[in-house]
C-alpha atoms as a PDB file:
ATOM      1  CA  SER A   1     -11.915  26.804  12.604  1.00  0.00           C
ATOM      2  CA  GLU A   2      -9.710  24.371  10.749  1.00  0.00           C
ATOM      3  CA  TYR A   3      -8.035  21.428  12.431  1.00  0.00           C
ATOM      4  CA  ASN A   4      -5.706  18.810  10.985  1.00  0.00           C
ATOM      5  CA  LEU A   5      -5.601  15.230  12.227  1.00  0.00           C
ATOM      6  CA  ILE A   6      -2.358  13.262  12.496  1.00  0.00           C
ATOM      7  CA  VAL A   7      -2.614   9.530  13.186  1.00  0.00           C
ATOM      8  CA  ILE A   8       0.572   7.810  14.314  1.00  0.00           C
ATOM      9  CA  GLY A   9       0.078   4.213  13.191  1.00  0.00           C
ATOM     10  CA  ASP A  10      -2.552   2.493  11.074  1.00  0.00           C
ATOM     11  CA  VAL A  11      -6.264   3.234  10.744  1.00  0.00           C
ATOM     12  CA  GLU A  12      -7.769  -0.250  10.789  1.00  0.00           C
ATOM     13  CA  GLN A  13     -10.673  -1.506   8.676  1.00  0.00           C
ATOM     14  CA  GLY A  14     -13.983  -0.556  10.275  1.00  0.00           C
ATOM     15  CA  ALA A  15     -12.542   2.602  11.851  1.00  0.00           C
ATOM     16  CA  THR A  16     -13.442   6.117  10.675  1.00  0.00           C
ATOM     17  CA  VAL A  17     -11.324   9.248  11.031  1.00  0.00           C
ATOM     18  CA  LYS A  18     -12.757  12.706  10.325  1.00  0.00           C
ATOM     19  CA  SER A  19     -11.246  16.170  10.271  1.00  0.00           C
ATOM     20  CA  ALA A  20     -12.375  19.632   9.232  1.00  0.00           C
ATOM     21  CA  GLY A  21      -8.866  20.017   7.787  1.00  0.00           C
ATOM     22  CA  ASN A  22      -6.281  17.583   6.445  1.00  0.00           C
ATOM     23  CA  ILE A  23      -5.668  13.990   7.555  1.00  0.00           C
ATOM     24  CA  PHE A  24      -2.143  12.572   7.797  1.00  0.00           C
ATOM     25  CA  VAL A  25      -1.734   8.852   8.571  1.00  0.00           C
ATOM     26  CA  LEU A  26       1.798   7.816   9.506  1.00  0.00           C
ATOM     27  CA  GLY A  27       0.943   4.232   8.601  1.00  0.00           C
ATOM     28  CA  SER A  28      -1.610   2.480   6.396  1.00  0.00           C
ATOM     29  CA  LEU A  29      -5.181   3.674   5.936  1.00  0.00           C
ATOM     30  CA  PHE A  30      -7.501   0.655   5.826  1.00  0.00           C
ATOM     31  CA  GLY A  31     -10.560   2.362   7.357  1.00  0.00           C
ATOM     32  CA  MET A  32     -12.679   5.305   6.169  1.00  0.00           C
ATOM     33  CA  ALA A  33     -11.221   8.832   6.145  1.00  0.00           C
ATOM     34  CA  HIS A  34     -13.191  12.062   5.661  1.00  0.00           C
ATOM     35  CA  ALA A  35     -11.063  15.199   5.327  1.00  0.00           C
ATOM     36  CA  GLY A  36     -12.623  18.640   4.990  1.00  0.00           C
ATOM     37  CA  CYS A  37     -15.785  17.349   6.655  1.00  0.00           C
ATOM     38  CA  ASP A  38     -16.993  20.952   7.126  1.00  0.00           C
ATOM     39  CA  GLY A  39     -16.842  21.513   3.345  1.00  0.00           C
ATOM     40  CA  LYS A  40     -13.149  22.440   2.940  1.00  0.00           C
ATOM     41  CA  SER A  41     -12.544  21.219  -0.618  1.00  0.00           C
ATOM     42  CA  ASP A  42      -8.794  21.924  -0.594  1.00  0.00           C
ATOM     43  CA  ALA A  43      -8.203  19.428   2.228  1.00  0.00           C
ATOM     44  CA  VAL A  44      -6.001  16.393   1.560  1.00  0.00           C
ATOM     45  CA  ILE A  45      -5.555  12.860   2.874  1.00  0.00           C
ATOM     46  CA  VAL A  46      -1.972  11.601   3.102  1.00  0.00           C
ATOM     47  CA  ALA A  47      -0.978   8.076   4.164  1.00  0.00           C
ATOM     48  CA  MET A  48       1.968   5.769   3.699  1.00  0.00           C
ATOM     49  CA  LYS A  49      -0.481   3.389   2.003  1.00  0.00           C
ATOM     50  CA  LEU A  50      -4.026   4.325   0.918  1.00  0.00           C
ATOM     51  CA  LEU A  51      -5.735   0.955   1.213  1.00  0.00           C
ATOM     52  CA  SER A  52      -9.174   2.181   2.303  1.00  0.00           C
ATOM     53  CA  GLU A  53     -12.224   1.038   0.379  1.00  0.00           C
ATOM     54  CA  GLU A  54     -13.583   4.590   0.444  1.00  0.00           C
ATOM     55  CA  ILE A  55     -12.290   8.072   1.218  1.00  0.00           C
ATOM     56  CA  LYS A  56     -14.092  11.396   1.237  1.00  0.00           C
ATOM     57  CA  ILE A  57     -12.923  14.999   0.899  1.00  0.00           C
ATOM     58  CA  ALA A  58     -15.543  17.684   1.537  1.00  0.00           C
ATOM     59  CA  GLU A  59     -18.644  16.251  -0.186  1.00  0.00           C
ATOM     60  CA  ILE A  60     -16.811  14.138  -2.800  1.00  0.00           C
ATOM     61  CA  SER A  61     -16.152  10.476  -2.115  1.00  0.00           C
ATOM     62  CA  THR A  62     -14.413   7.763  -4.074  1.00  0.00           C
ATOM     63  CA  THR A  63     -13.931   4.049  -3.794  1.00  0.00           C
ATOM     64  CA  ILE A  64     -10.451   2.671  -4.156  1.00  0.00           C
ATOM     65  CA  LYS A  65     -10.234  -0.474  -6.258  1.00  0.00           C
ATOM     66  CA  GLN A  66      -8.309  -2.958  -4.138  1.00  0.00           C
ATOM     67  CA  GLY A  67      -7.387  -5.194  -7.083  1.00  0.00           C
ATOM     68  CA  ALA A  68      -5.941  -2.343  -9.134  1.00  0.00           C
ATOM     69  CA  PHE A  69      -2.178  -2.397  -9.511  1.00  0.00           C
ATOM     70  CA  LYS A  70      -0.632   0.867  -8.408  1.00  0.00           C
ATOM     71  CA  LYS A  71       2.669   1.714 -10.049  1.00  0.00           C
ATOM     72  CA  PHE A  72       3.876   3.512  -6.939  1.00  0.00           C
ATOM     73  CA  LEU A  73       7.330   3.363  -5.407  1.00  0.00           C
ATOM     74  CA  PRO A  74       7.436   1.579  -2.041  1.00  0.00           C
ATOM     75  CA  GLY A  75       8.018   3.750   1.020  1.00  0.00           C
ATOM     76  CA  VAL A  76       6.672   6.939  -0.597  1.00  0.00           C
ATOM     77  CA  PRO A  77       3.453   8.377   0.905  1.00  0.00           C
ATOM     78  CA  GLU A  78       0.277   8.659  -1.141  1.00  0.00           C
ATOM     79  CA  ILE A  79      -1.916  11.769  -1.289  1.00  0.00           C
ATOM     80  CA  ALA A  80      -5.581  12.160  -2.185  1.00  0.00           C
ATOM     81  CA  TYR A  81      -6.982  15.550  -3.182  1.00  0.00           C
ATOM     82  CA  ILE A  82      -9.789  17.059  -5.246  1.00  0.00           C
ATOM     83  CA  VAL A  83      -9.280  17.960  -8.894  1.00  0.00           C
ATOM     84  CA  GLY A  84     -12.423  19.358 -10.504  1.00  0.00           C
ATOM     85  CA  ASP A  85     -15.239  17.194  -9.174  1.00  0.00           C
ATOM     86  CA  GLU A  86     -13.283  14.026  -8.418  1.00  0.00           C
ATOM     87  CA  ILE A  87     -10.588  12.771  -6.069  1.00  0.00           C
ATOM     88  CA  LYS A  88      -7.127  12.088  -7.486  1.00  0.00           C
ATOM     89  CA  ILE A  89      -4.600   9.817  -5.764  1.00  0.00           C
ATOM     90  CA  GLU A  90      -0.877   9.935  -6.464  1.00  0.00           C
ATOM     91  CA  GLN A  91       2.449   9.634  -4.724  1.00  0.00           C
ATOM     92  CA  TYR A  92       3.405  12.524  -2.466  1.00  0.00           C
ATOM     93  CA  ALA A  93       6.978  13.221  -3.477  1.00  0.00           C
END
């Protein structure tokens, strides 16, 4: 069955959160997140700030460049999801 995970607060560096469904972080994501860990490729990861070094959805993972400047509006959540064979990150408006 599918379960979603909601974290109220931050996921600190060194911590890992996993869910067979979606992951929602009502804070900043510094640690590792793996959504769709049972192979659900339409799972998403949503956080107020995606600051993790690596995230994974189903079997696809990506590293997030920490030095890259994101042209995102402050206070708007960010969403990560699969497009084709890669993970896309954008603002969740």
